[in-house]
Amino acid sequence: MTQITIRFATKADAVGCTRIYTETWSTAYRHIVPQEYITTLNASRYQTILDSLPESSPLNSSGILTVVAECEKDIIGLAVFGSTRDPDFSKTYPLELKSLYVLPDFHGRGIAMRLIRKGADLMGWYSLDPAVAKMSCRTFEMNERAIAFYKKIGGTVVGRGIWSRPGIERVILTVGWNSVPI
């Protein structure tokens, strides 16, 4: 069996992280958002990712952590962690899983859960007082695979809103955990 390593990402991983976002958005969201939007977003993704990754430490200057799953020197998945960006949920669920993507060929191998555990550990979330160790994430309502996964690991839909871009509106759900998944 091939070994999969989970570690924090740095600027040296920008190309691999860009590939993950590009490939997963092109497959996971192809029936959710227009292909034209995905193509436009993917074209500018590398610079955005490069700017967001730290040089050599786990956290970037905004306190955001990206962890990657690596198989034979290729990045096959990633997860991004930080403080909750939605003001409606920042007090109830102060911690946020901002992104979680694994290439389809690696689904069903426990990689997503390993990414969550590693990120939560590096962020120090497991040592927090249980009253504040509450996590959330957001996903498209039409992303049934993600919703099923989040529910499987103890998440509950706690809110809904609208994700809006020029000419596009989709329902987005907030999934919350009363403790960080282990």
N, C-alpha and C. Protein backbone atom coordinates (compact mmCIF):
# COMPACT_ATOMS: atom_id res chain seq x y z
N MET A 1 0.83 -1.18 0.00
CA MET A 1 0.00 0.00 0.00
C MET A 1 0.88 1.25 0.00
N THR A 2 0.51 2.23 -0.79
CA THR A 2 1.27 3.46 -0.90
C THR A 2 1.10 4.32 0.35
N GLN A 3 2.20 4.88 0.83
CA GLN A 3 2.16 5.71 2.02
C GLN A 3 1.65 7.10 1.69
N ILE A 4 0.77 7.61 2.53
CA ILE A 4 0.25 8.96 2.38
C ILE A 4 0.69 9.77 3.60
N THR A 5 1.34 10.89 3.34
CA THR A 5 1.84 11.76 4.39
C THR A 5 0.94 12.98 4.50
N ILE A 6 0.62 13.37 5.73
CA ILE A 6 -0.16 14.58 5.98
C ILE A 6 0.77 15.58 6.66
N ARG A 7 0.88 16.79 6.11
CA ARG A 7 1.79 17.80 6.65
C ARG A 7 1.26 19.19 6.31
N PHE A 8 1.85 20.21 6.96
CA PHE A 8 1.42 21.57 6.62
C PHE A 8 2.05 21.99 5.30
N ALA A 9 1.35 22.88 4.60
CA ALA A 9 1.79 23.34 3.29
C ALA A 9 2.57 24.64 3.41
N THR A 10 3.48 24.84 2.46
CA THR A 10 4.24 26.09 2.35
C THR A 10 4.15 26.58 0.90
N LYS A 11 4.79 27.70 0.63
CA LYS A 11 4.77 28.26 -0.73
C LYS A 11 5.27 27.25 -1.77
N ALA A 12 6.17 26.37 -1.38
CA ALA A 12 6.69 25.36 -2.30
C ALA A 12 5.60 24.42 -2.80
N ASP A 13 4.46 24.39 -2.12
CA ASP A 13 3.35 23.51 -2.48
C ASP A 13 2.28 24.21 -3.33
N ALA A 14 2.52 25.44 -3.74
CA ALA A 14 1.49 26.22 -4.44
C ALA A 14 1.00 25.54 -5.72
N VAL A 15 1.90 24.96 -6.50
CA VAL A 15 1.49 24.30 -7.74
C VAL A 15 0.59 23.10 -7.43
N GLY A 16 1.00 22.27 -6.47
CA GLY A 16 0.20 21.10 -6.10
C GLY A 16 -1.15 21.48 -5.52
N CYS A 17 -1.19 22.52 -4.69
CA CYS A 17 -2.46 22.98 -4.11
C CYS A 17 -3.37 23.54 -5.19
N THR A 18 -2.79 24.26 -6.14
CA THR A 18 -3.58 24.79 -7.26
C THR A 18 -4.21 23.65 -8.04
N ARG A 19 -3.44 22.60 -8.27
CA ARG A 19 -3.96 21.43 -8.99
C ARG A 19 -5.15 20.82 -8.25
N ILE A 20 -5.06 20.72 -6.92
CA ILE A 20 -6.16 20.15 -6.14
C ILE A 20 -7.41 20.99 -6.30
N TYR A 21 -7.30 22.29 -6.11
CA TYR A 21 -8.46 23.17 -6.27
C TYR A 21 -9.04 23.07 -7.68
N THR A 22 -8.17 23.14 -8.68
CA THR A 22 -8.62 23.12 -10.07
C THR A 22 -9.36 21.82 -10.39
N GLU A 23 -8.75 20.69 -10.07
CA GLU A 23 -9.37 19.40 -10.40
C GLU A 23 -10.62 19.13 -9.58
N THR A 24 -10.59 19.45 -8.29
CA THR A 24 -11.76 19.13 -7.47
C THR A 24 -12.93 20.05 -7.78
N TRP A 25 -12.67 21.33 -8.00
CA TRP A 25 -13.77 22.22 -8.38
C TRP A 25 -14.35 21.80 -9.73
N SER A 26 -13.51 21.37 -10.65
CA SER A 26 -13.99 20.97 -11.97
C SER A 26 -14.85 19.72 -11.92
N THR A 27 -14.64 18.87 -10.93
CA THR A 27 -15.46 17.66 -10.82
C THR A 27 -16.58 17.81 -9.80
N ALA A 28 -16.27 18.27 -8.60
CA ALA A 28 -17.28 18.33 -7.53
C ALA A 28 -18.36 19.37 -7.80
N TYR A 29 -18.02 20.45 -8.46
CA TYR A 29 -18.98 21.54 -8.62
C TYR A 29 -19.49 21.71 -10.05
N ARG A 30 -19.17 20.77 -10.93
CA ARG A 30 -19.55 20.94 -12.33
C ARG A 30 -21.06 21.03 -12.54
N HIS A 31 -21.85 20.44 -11.63
CA HIS A 31 -23.31 20.52 -11.75
C HIS A 31 -23.88 21.57 -10.80
N ILE A 32 -23.01 22.30 -10.11
CA ILE A 32 -23.47 23.27 -9.12
C ILE A 32 -23.25 24.70 -9.59
N VAL A 33 -22.09 24.98 -10.15
CA VAL A 33 -21.80 26.32 -10.67
C VAL A 33 -21.42 26.21 -12.15
N PRO A 34 -21.67 27.27 -12.92
CA PRO A 34 -21.36 27.21 -14.35
C PRO A 34 -19.88 26.95 -14.62
N GLN A 35 -19.62 26.17 -15.66
CA GLN A 35 -18.24 25.85 -16.04
C GLN A 35 -17.44 27.11 -16.33
N GLU A 36 -18.06 28.11 -16.90
CA GLU A 36 -17.37 29.36 -17.20
C GLU A 36 -16.82 30.00 -15.92
N TYR A 37 -17.59 29.95 -14.85
CA TYR A 37 -17.12 30.50 -13.57
C TYR A 37 -15.93 29.70 -13.05
N ILE A 38 -16.03 28.37 -13.11
CA ILE A 38 -14.94 27.51 -12.64
C ILE A 38 -13.67 27.77 -13.45
N THR A 39 -13.80 27.87 -14.76
CA THR A 39 -12.65 28.12 -15.63
C THR A 39 -11.99 29.46 -15.29
N THR A 40 -12.79 30.50 -15.11
CA THR A 40 -12.26 31.82 -14.77
C THR A 40 -11.57 31.79 -13.42
N LEU A 41 -12.20 31.15 -12.44
CA LEU A 41 -11.62 31.04 -11.11
C LEU A 41 -10.30 30.27 -11.14
N ASN A 42 -10.29 29.16 -11.86
CA ASN A 42 -9.09 28.34 -11.93
C ASN A 42 -7.92 29.08 -12.57
N ALA A 43 -8.21 29.98 -13.51
CA ALA A 43 -7.15 30.71 -14.21
C ALA A 43 -6.36 31.62 -13.26
N SER A 44 -7.00 32.10 -12.20
CA SER A 44 -6.32 33.02 -11.29
C SER A 44 -5.92 32.37 -9.97
N ARG A 45 -6.16 31.10 -9.85
CA ARG A 45 -5.99 30.43 -8.56
C ARG A 45 -4.54 30.35 -8.07
N TYR A 46 -3.59 30.11 -8.95
CA TYR A 46 -2.20 29.90 -8.52
C TYR A 46 -1.70 31.09 -7.69
N GLN A 47 -1.87 32.30 -8.21
CA GLN A 47 -1.34 33.47 -7.50
C GLN A 47 -2.02 33.64 -6.15
N THR A 48 -3.32 33.40 -6.10
CA THR A 48 -4.06 33.50 -4.83
C THR A 48 -3.51 32.51 -3.81
N ILE A 49 -3.28 31.29 -4.25
CA ILE A 49 -2.76 30.25 -3.35
C ILE A 49 -1.33 30.58 -2.93
N LEU A 50 -0.51 30.96 -3.88
CA LEU A 50 0.88 31.32 -3.56
C LEU A 50 0.92 32.43 -2.51
N ASP A 51 0.07 33.43 -2.67
CA ASP A 51 0.03 34.54 -1.72
C ASP A 51 -0.45 34.11 -0.34
N SER A 52 -1.26 33.05 -0.27
CA SER A 52 -1.85 32.65 1.01
C SER A 52 -0.99 31.67 1.81
N LEU A 53 -0.01 31.05 1.17
CA LEU A 53 0.80 30.05 1.87
C LEU A 53 2.02 30.68 2.54
N PRO A 54 2.40 30.18 3.72
CA PRO A 54 3.58 30.70 4.41
C PRO A 54 4.86 30.16 3.78
N GLU A 55 5.98 30.82 4.08
CA GLU A 55 7.28 30.36 3.58
C GLU A 55 7.67 29.03 4.19
N SER A 56 7.63 28.95 5.52
CA SER A 56 8.15 27.73 6.16
C SER A 56 7.45 27.34 7.45
N SER A 57 6.59 28.17 7.98
CA SER A 57 5.91 27.83 9.23
C SER A 57 4.50 27.34 8.91
N PRO A 58 3.84 26.69 9.86
CA PRO A 58 2.50 26.17 9.56
C PRO A 58 1.47 27.25 9.24
N LEU A 59 1.47 28.37 9.98
CA LEU A 59 0.43 29.38 9.81
C LEU A 59 0.90 30.54 8.94
N ASN A 60 -0.01 31.06 8.12
CA ASN A 60 0.33 32.27 7.38
C ASN A 60 0.11 33.49 8.27
N SER A 61 0.36 34.67 7.75
CA SER A 61 0.28 35.89 8.57
C SER A 61 -1.14 36.19 9.06
N SER A 62 -2.15 35.57 8.47
CA SER A 62 -3.54 35.76 8.89
C SER A 62 -4.01 34.67 9.84
N GLY A 63 -3.10 33.79 10.26
CA GLY A 63 -3.48 32.70 11.16
C GLY A 63 -4.20 31.56 10.48
N ILE A 64 -4.02 31.44 9.17
CA ILE A 64 -4.65 30.38 8.39
C ILE A 64 -3.63 29.25 8.20
N LEU A 65 -4.10 28.02 8.33
CA LEU A 65 -3.26 26.83 8.15
C LEU A 65 -3.79 26.02 6.98
N THR A 66 -2.89 25.60 6.10
CA THR A 66 -3.24 24.66 5.04
C THR A 66 -2.43 23.39 5.28
N VAL A 67 -3.11 22.25 5.30
CA VAL A 67 -2.43 20.97 5.38
C VAL A 67 -2.69 20.22 4.09
N VAL A 68 -1.72 19.41 3.70
CA VAL A 68 -1.84 18.65 2.46
C VAL A 68 -1.64 17.16 2.73
N ALA A 69 -2.25 16.37 1.86
CA ALA A 69 -2.00 14.93 1.83
C ALA A 69 -1.12 14.69 0.62
N GLU A 70 -0.02 13.97 0.84
CA GLU A 70 0.96 13.76 -0.21
C GLU A 70 1.16 12.27 -0.43
N CYS A 71 1.15 11.87 -1.69
CA CYS A 71 1.36 10.47 -2.07
C CYS A 71 2.42 10.46 -3.17
N GLU A 72 3.53 9.81 -2.89
CA GLU A 72 4.63 9.74 -3.86
C GLU A 72 4.99 11.12 -4.40
N LYS A 73 5.14 12.08 -3.50
CA LYS A 73 5.54 13.46 -3.79
C LYS A 73 4.49 14.28 -4.54
N ASP A 74 3.30 13.73 -4.74
CA ASP A 74 2.21 14.48 -5.36
C ASP A 74 1.18 14.84 -4.30
N ILE A 75 0.71 16.06 -4.33
CA ILE A 75 -0.35 16.46 -3.41
C ILE A 75 -1.66 15.92 -3.94
N ILE A 76 -2.38 15.19 -3.08
CA ILE A 76 -3.63 14.55 -3.49
C ILE A 76 -4.85 15.08 -2.73
N GLY A 77 -4.60 15.95 -1.76
CA GLY A 77 -5.70 16.53 -1.00
C GLY A 77 -5.20 17.67 -0.15
N LEU A 78 -6.14 18.49 0.32
CA LEU A 78 -5.77 19.59 1.20
C LEU A 78 -6.95 20.00 2.07
N ALA A 79 -6.62 20.65 3.16
CA ALA A 79 -7.63 21.23 4.05
C ALA A 79 -7.09 22.55 4.57
N VAL A 80 -7.98 23.52 4.74
CA VAL A 80 -7.60 24.85 5.21
C VAL A 80 -8.41 25.16 6.48
N PHE A 81 -7.72 25.71 7.49
CA PHE A 81 -8.31 25.95 8.81
C PHE A 81 -8.05 27.38 9.26
N GLY A 82 -8.96 27.90 10.07
CA GLY A 82 -8.78 29.23 10.65
C GLY A 82 -9.98 29.62 11.47
N SER A 83 -10.07 30.89 11.78
CA SER A 83 -11.21 31.41 12.52
C SER A 83 -12.42 31.50 11.59
N THR A 84 -13.60 31.36 12.15
CA THR A 84 -14.82 31.42 11.36
C THR A 84 -14.97 32.79 10.72
N ARG A 85 -15.25 32.81 9.43
CA ARG A 85 -15.38 34.08 8.71
C ARG A 85 -16.80 34.62 8.73
N ASP A 86 -17.79 33.78 9.00
CA ASP A 86 -19.19 34.19 9.00
C ASP A 86 -19.55 34.79 10.36
N PRO A 87 -19.83 36.09 10.42
CA PRO A 87 -20.11 36.72 11.71
C PRO A 87 -21.33 36.12 12.43
N ASP A 88 -22.25 35.54 11.69
CA ASP A 88 -23.43 34.92 12.31
C ASP A 88 -23.06 33.67 13.12
N PHE A 89 -21.91 33.08 12.83
CA PHE A 89 -21.52 31.84 13.50
C PHE A 89 -20.23 31.96 14.30
N SER A 90 -19.59 33.12 14.29
CA SER A 90 -18.26 33.24 14.91
C SER A 90 -18.26 33.04 16.42
N LYS A 91 -19.35 33.32 17.09
CA LYS A 91 -19.39 33.10 18.55
C LYS A 91 -19.75 31.66 18.88
N THR A 92 -20.69 31.09 18.14
CA THR A 92 -21.12 29.72 18.41
C THR A 92 -20.10 28.70 17.91
N TYR A 93 -19.56 28.94 16.72
CA TYR A 93 -18.60 28.04 16.09
C TYR A 93 -17.36 28.86 15.69
N PRO A 94 -16.45 29.14 16.64
CA PRO A 94 -15.33 30.04 16.35
C PRO A 94 -14.27 29.46 15.41
N LEU A 95 -14.27 28.16 15.21
CA LEU A 95 -13.25 27.50 14.39
C LEU A 95 -13.88 27.11 13.05
N GLU A 96 -13.12 27.24 11.96
CA GLU A 96 -13.69 26.90 10.66
C GLU A 96 -12.75 26.02 9.83
N LEU A 97 -13.34 24.98 9.28
CA LEU A 97 -12.72 24.19 8.23
C LEU A 97 -13.11 24.93 6.95
N LYS A 98 -12.18 25.69 6.39
CA LYS A 98 -12.48 26.58 5.28
C LYS A 98 -12.54 25.86 3.93
N SER A 99 -11.75 24.83 3.78
CA SER A 99 -11.71 24.05 2.54
C SER A 99 -11.31 22.63 2.88
N LEU A 100 -11.86 21.68 2.15
CA LEU A 100 -11.47 20.28 2.28
C LEU A 100 -11.67 19.62 0.92
N TYR A 101 -10.57 19.25 0.29
CA TYR A 101 -10.64 18.64 -1.04
C TYR A 101 -9.66 17.48 -1.13
N VAL A 102 -10.13 16.38 -1.69
CA VAL A 102 -9.31 15.20 -1.96
C VAL A 102 -9.61 14.78 -3.40
N LEU A 103 -8.58 14.46 -4.15
CA LEU A 103 -8.80 14.01 -5.53
C LEU A 103 -9.71 12.78 -5.54
N PRO A 104 -10.62 12.70 -6.51
CA PRO A 104 -11.59 11.60 -6.55
C PRO A 104 -10.97 10.20 -6.50
N ASP A 105 -9.82 9.99 -7.10
CA ASP A 105 -9.19 8.67 -7.08
C ASP A 105 -8.79 8.23 -5.67
N PHE A 106 -8.78 9.16 -4.73
CA PHE A 106 -8.37 8.85 -3.36
C PHE A 106 -9.52 8.93 -2.36
N HIS A 107 -10.74 9.09 -2.86
CA HIS A 107 -11.91 9.10 -1.97
C HIS A 107 -12.07 7.73 -1.30
N GLY A 108 -12.63 7.74 -0.12
CA GLY A 108 -12.93 6.49 0.58
C GLY A 108 -11.75 5.85 1.28
N ARG A 109 -10.65 6.56 1.41
CA ARG A 109 -9.45 6.00 2.05
C ARG A 109 -9.14 6.64 3.40
N GLY A 110 -10.04 7.47 3.90
CA GLY A 110 -9.82 8.11 5.19
C GLY A 110 -8.93 9.34 5.15
N ILE A 111 -8.59 9.80 3.96
CA ILE A 111 -7.66 10.92 3.83
C ILE A 111 -8.28 12.21 4.33
N ALA A 112 -9.54 12.45 4.03
CA ALA A 112 -10.19 13.69 4.49
C ALA A 112 -10.17 13.78 6.01
N MET A 113 -10.47 12.69 6.67
CA MET A 113 -10.47 12.69 8.13
C MET A 113 -9.06 12.90 8.68
N ARG A 114 -8.06 12.31 8.03
CA ARG A 114 -6.67 12.52 8.45
C ARG A 114 -6.27 13.99 8.28
N LEU A 115 -6.72 14.62 7.21
CA LEU A 115 -6.44 16.04 7.01
C LEU A 115 -7.07 16.88 8.12
N ILE A 116 -8.32 16.57 8.46
CA ILE A 116 -9.01 17.30 9.53
C ILE A 116 -8.26 17.13 10.85
N ARG A 117 -7.91 15.90 11.18
CA ARG A 117 -7.20 15.65 12.45
C ARG A 117 -5.87 16.38 12.53
N LYS A 118 -5.11 16.31 11.45
CA LYS A 118 -3.79 16.96 11.44
C LYS A 118 -3.93 18.47 11.56
N GLY A 119 -4.85 19.03 10.80
CA GLY A 119 -5.06 20.48 10.87
C GLY A 119 -5.52 20.93 12.24
N ALA A 120 -6.49 20.22 12.80
CA ALA A 120 -7.00 20.57 14.13
C ALA A 120 -5.90 20.45 15.18
N ASP A 121 -5.05 19.43 15.03
CA ASP A 121 -3.93 19.25 15.96
C ASP A 121 -2.92 20.40 15.83
N LEU A 122 -2.52 20.73 14.61
CA LEU A 122 -1.55 21.81 14.40
C LEU A 122 -2.11 23.17 14.84
N MET A 123 -3.41 23.35 14.74
CA MET A 123 -4.04 24.60 15.19
C MET A 123 -4.22 24.63 16.71
N GLY A 124 -4.00 23.49 17.37
CA GLY A 124 -4.17 23.43 18.82
C GLY A 124 -5.62 23.31 19.25
N TRP A 125 -6.49 22.93 18.34
CA TRP A 125 -7.92 22.90 18.64
C TRP A 125 -8.30 21.80 19.62
N TYR A 126 -7.55 20.69 19.63
CA TYR A 126 -7.90 19.59 20.55
C TYR A 126 -7.61 19.95 22.00
N SER A 127 -6.76 20.94 22.23
CA SER A 127 -6.44 21.32 23.61
C SER A 127 -7.29 22.48 24.11
N LEU A 128 -8.20 22.97 23.30
CA LEU A 128 -9.07 24.08 23.70
C LEU A 128 -10.15 23.62 24.67
N ASP A 129 -10.63 24.55 25.45
CA ASP A 129 -11.79 24.30 26.32
C ASP A 129 -12.94 23.84 25.42
N PRO A 130 -13.64 22.77 25.79
CA PRO A 130 -14.74 22.26 24.97
C PRO A 130 -15.80 23.32 24.63
N ALA A 131 -15.93 24.33 25.46
CA ALA A 131 -16.92 25.38 25.19
C ALA A 131 -16.58 26.20 23.95
N VAL A 132 -15.29 26.25 23.59
CA VAL A 132 -14.89 27.02 22.41
C VAL A 132 -14.38 26.14 21.27
N ALA A 133 -14.21 24.86 21.50
CA ALA A 133 -13.68 23.95 20.48
C ALA A 133 -14.80 23.48 19.56
N LYS A 134 -15.52 24.43 19.00
CA LYS A 134 -16.64 24.12 18.11
C LYS A 134 -16.28 24.59 16.72
N MET A 135 -16.50 23.71 15.75
CA MET A 135 -16.04 23.95 14.39
C MET A 135 -17.22 24.01 13.43
N SER A 136 -17.05 24.77 12.36
CA SER A 136 -18.05 24.81 11.30
C SER A 136 -17.36 24.75 9.95
N CYS A 137 -18.15 24.51 8.94
CA CYS A 137 -17.70 24.63 7.56
C CYS A 137 -18.91 25.00 6.72
N ARG A 138 -18.65 25.44 5.52
CA ARG A 138 -19.74 25.79 4.61
C ARG A 138 -19.61 24.96 3.35
N THR A 139 -20.76 24.60 2.80
CA THR A 139 -20.77 23.83 1.57
C THR A 139 -22.04 24.13 0.79
N PHE A 140 -21.99 23.92 -0.49
CA PHE A 140 -23.18 24.10 -1.31
C PHE A 140 -24.24 23.08 -0.91
N GLU A 141 -25.49 23.53 -0.86
CA GLU A 141 -26.60 22.63 -0.54
C GLU A 141 -26.67 21.48 -1.55
N MET A 142 -26.27 21.73 -2.78
CA MET A 142 -26.32 20.71 -3.82
C MET A 142 -25.14 19.74 -3.76
N ASN A 143 -24.19 19.96 -2.87
CA ASN A 143 -23.02 19.10 -2.75
C ASN A 143 -23.35 17.96 -1.77
N GLU A 144 -24.15 17.03 -2.24
CA GLU A 144 -24.65 15.95 -1.40
C GLU A 144 -23.54 15.07 -0.83
N ARG A 145 -22.50 14.84 -1.60
CA ARG A 145 -21.39 14.01 -1.12
C ARG A 145 -20.73 14.64 0.11
N ALA A 146 -20.46 15.94 0.04
CA ALA A 146 -19.83 16.63 1.18
C ALA A 146 -20.75 16.63 2.39
N ILE A 147 -22.02 16.92 2.18
CA ILE A 147 -22.97 16.96 3.30
C ILE A 147 -23.04 15.59 3.97
N ALA A 148 -23.09 14.53 3.18
CA ALA A 148 -23.14 13.18 3.75
C ALA A 148 -21.87 12.89 4.57
N PHE A 149 -20.71 13.30 4.05
CA PHE A 149 -19.46 13.09 4.78
C PHE A 149 -19.46 13.86 6.09
N TYR A 150 -19.84 15.12 6.05
CA TYR A 150 -19.84 15.94 7.27
C TYR A 150 -20.79 15.37 8.32
N LYS A 151 -21.94 14.89 7.88
CA LYS A 151 -22.88 14.28 8.83
C LYS A 151 -22.31 12.99 9.39
N LYS A 152 -21.63 12.23 8.56
CA LYS A 152 -21.03 10.96 8.99
C LYS A 152 -20.01 11.18 10.11
N ILE A 153 -19.31 12.32 10.07
CA ILE A 153 -18.30 12.58 11.10
C ILE A 153 -18.85 13.51 12.20
N GLY A 154 -20.17 13.56 12.32
CA GLY A 154 -20.79 14.23 13.46
C GLY A 154 -21.29 15.64 13.25
N GLY A 155 -21.22 16.14 12.03
CA GLY A 155 -21.70 17.50 11.76
C GLY A 155 -23.21 17.56 11.62
N THR A 156 -23.75 18.73 11.88
CA THR A 156 -25.17 18.99 11.76
C THR A 156 -25.35 20.29 10.98
N VAL A 157 -26.32 20.34 10.10
CA VAL A 157 -26.60 21.58 9.39
C VAL A 157 -27.18 22.57 10.39
N VAL A 158 -26.51 23.72 10.54
CA VAL A 158 -26.92 24.71 11.54
C VAL A 158 -27.32 26.05 10.92
N GLY A 159 -27.17 26.17 9.62
CA GLY A 159 -27.55 27.42 8.98
C GLY A 159 -27.55 27.31 7.47
N ARG A 160 -28.16 28.29 6.86
CA ARG A 160 -28.17 28.35 5.40
C ARG A 160 -28.12 29.80 4.97
N GLY A 161 -27.51 30.01 3.84
CA GLY A 161 -27.38 31.36 3.30
C GLY A 161 -27.28 31.30 1.80
N ILE A 162 -26.91 32.40 1.22
CA ILE A 162 -26.79 32.48 -0.24
C ILE A 162 -25.34 32.79 -0.59
N TRP A 163 -24.79 32.00 -1.48
CA TRP A 163 -23.47 32.25 -2.07
C TRP A 163 -23.76 32.97 -3.37
N SER A 164 -23.23 34.16 -3.51
CA SER A 164 -23.58 34.98 -4.65
C SER A 164 -22.34 35.48 -5.37
N ARG A 165 -22.33 35.29 -6.66
CA ARG A 165 -21.31 35.83 -7.55
C ARG A 165 -22.07 36.45 -8.72
N PRO A 166 -21.44 37.31 -9.51
CA PRO A 166 -22.18 37.93 -10.62
C PRO A 166 -22.89 36.89 -11.49
N GLY A 167 -24.20 36.97 -11.53
CA GLY A 167 -25.01 36.06 -12.34
C GLY A 167 -25.24 34.69 -11.75
N ILE A 168 -24.74 34.44 -10.52
CA ILE A 168 -24.87 33.11 -9.90
C ILE A 168 -25.34 33.28 -8.46
N GLU A 169 -26.32 32.51 -8.07
CA GLU A 169 -26.73 32.43 -6.67
C GLU A 169 -27.01 30.97 -6.34
N ARG A 170 -26.42 30.50 -5.26
CA ARG A 170 -26.63 29.13 -4.80
C ARG A 170 -26.85 29.13 -3.30
N VAL A 171 -27.62 28.17 -2.83
CA VAL A 171 -27.81 28.01 -1.39
C VAL A 171 -26.55 27.37 -0.81
N ILE A 172 -26.07 27.95 0.26
CA ILE A 172 -24.91 27.40 0.95
C ILE A 172 -25.32 27.05 2.37
N LEU A 173 -24.88 25.90 2.84
CA LEU A 173 -25.20 25.44 4.18
C LEU A 173 -24.00 25.62 5.09
N THR A 174 -24.28 25.90 6.35
CA THR A 174 -23.23 25.88 7.37
C THR A 174 -23.44 24.61 8.18
N VAL A 175 -22.38 23.82 8.28
CA VAL A 175 -22.40 22.59 9.06
C VAL A 175 -21.59 22.86 10.32
N GLY A 176 -22.12 22.47 11.48
CA GLY A 176 -21.42 22.72 12.73
C GLY A 176 -21.17 21.46 13.52
N TRP A 177 -20.10 21.49 14.30
CA TRP A 177 -19.74 20.41 15.22
C TRP A 177 -19.64 21.01 16.62
N ASN A 178 -20.20 20.33 17.61
CA ASN A 178 -20.09 20.81 18.99
C ASN A 178 -18.74 20.50 19.60
N SER A 179 -17.93 19.73 18.88
CA SER A 179 -16.54 19.52 19.24
C SER A 179 -15.81 19.17 17.95
N VAL A 180 -14.52 19.44 17.94
CA VAL A 180 -13.73 19.15 16.74
C VAL A 180 -13.71 17.64 16.53
N PRO A 181 -14.02 17.17 15.30
CA PRO A 181 -14.03 15.72 15.05
C PRO A 181 -12.68 15.07 15.33
N ILE A 182 -12.72 13.86 15.92
CA ILE A 182 -11.48 13.13 16.19
C ILE A 182 -11.47 11.79 15.50
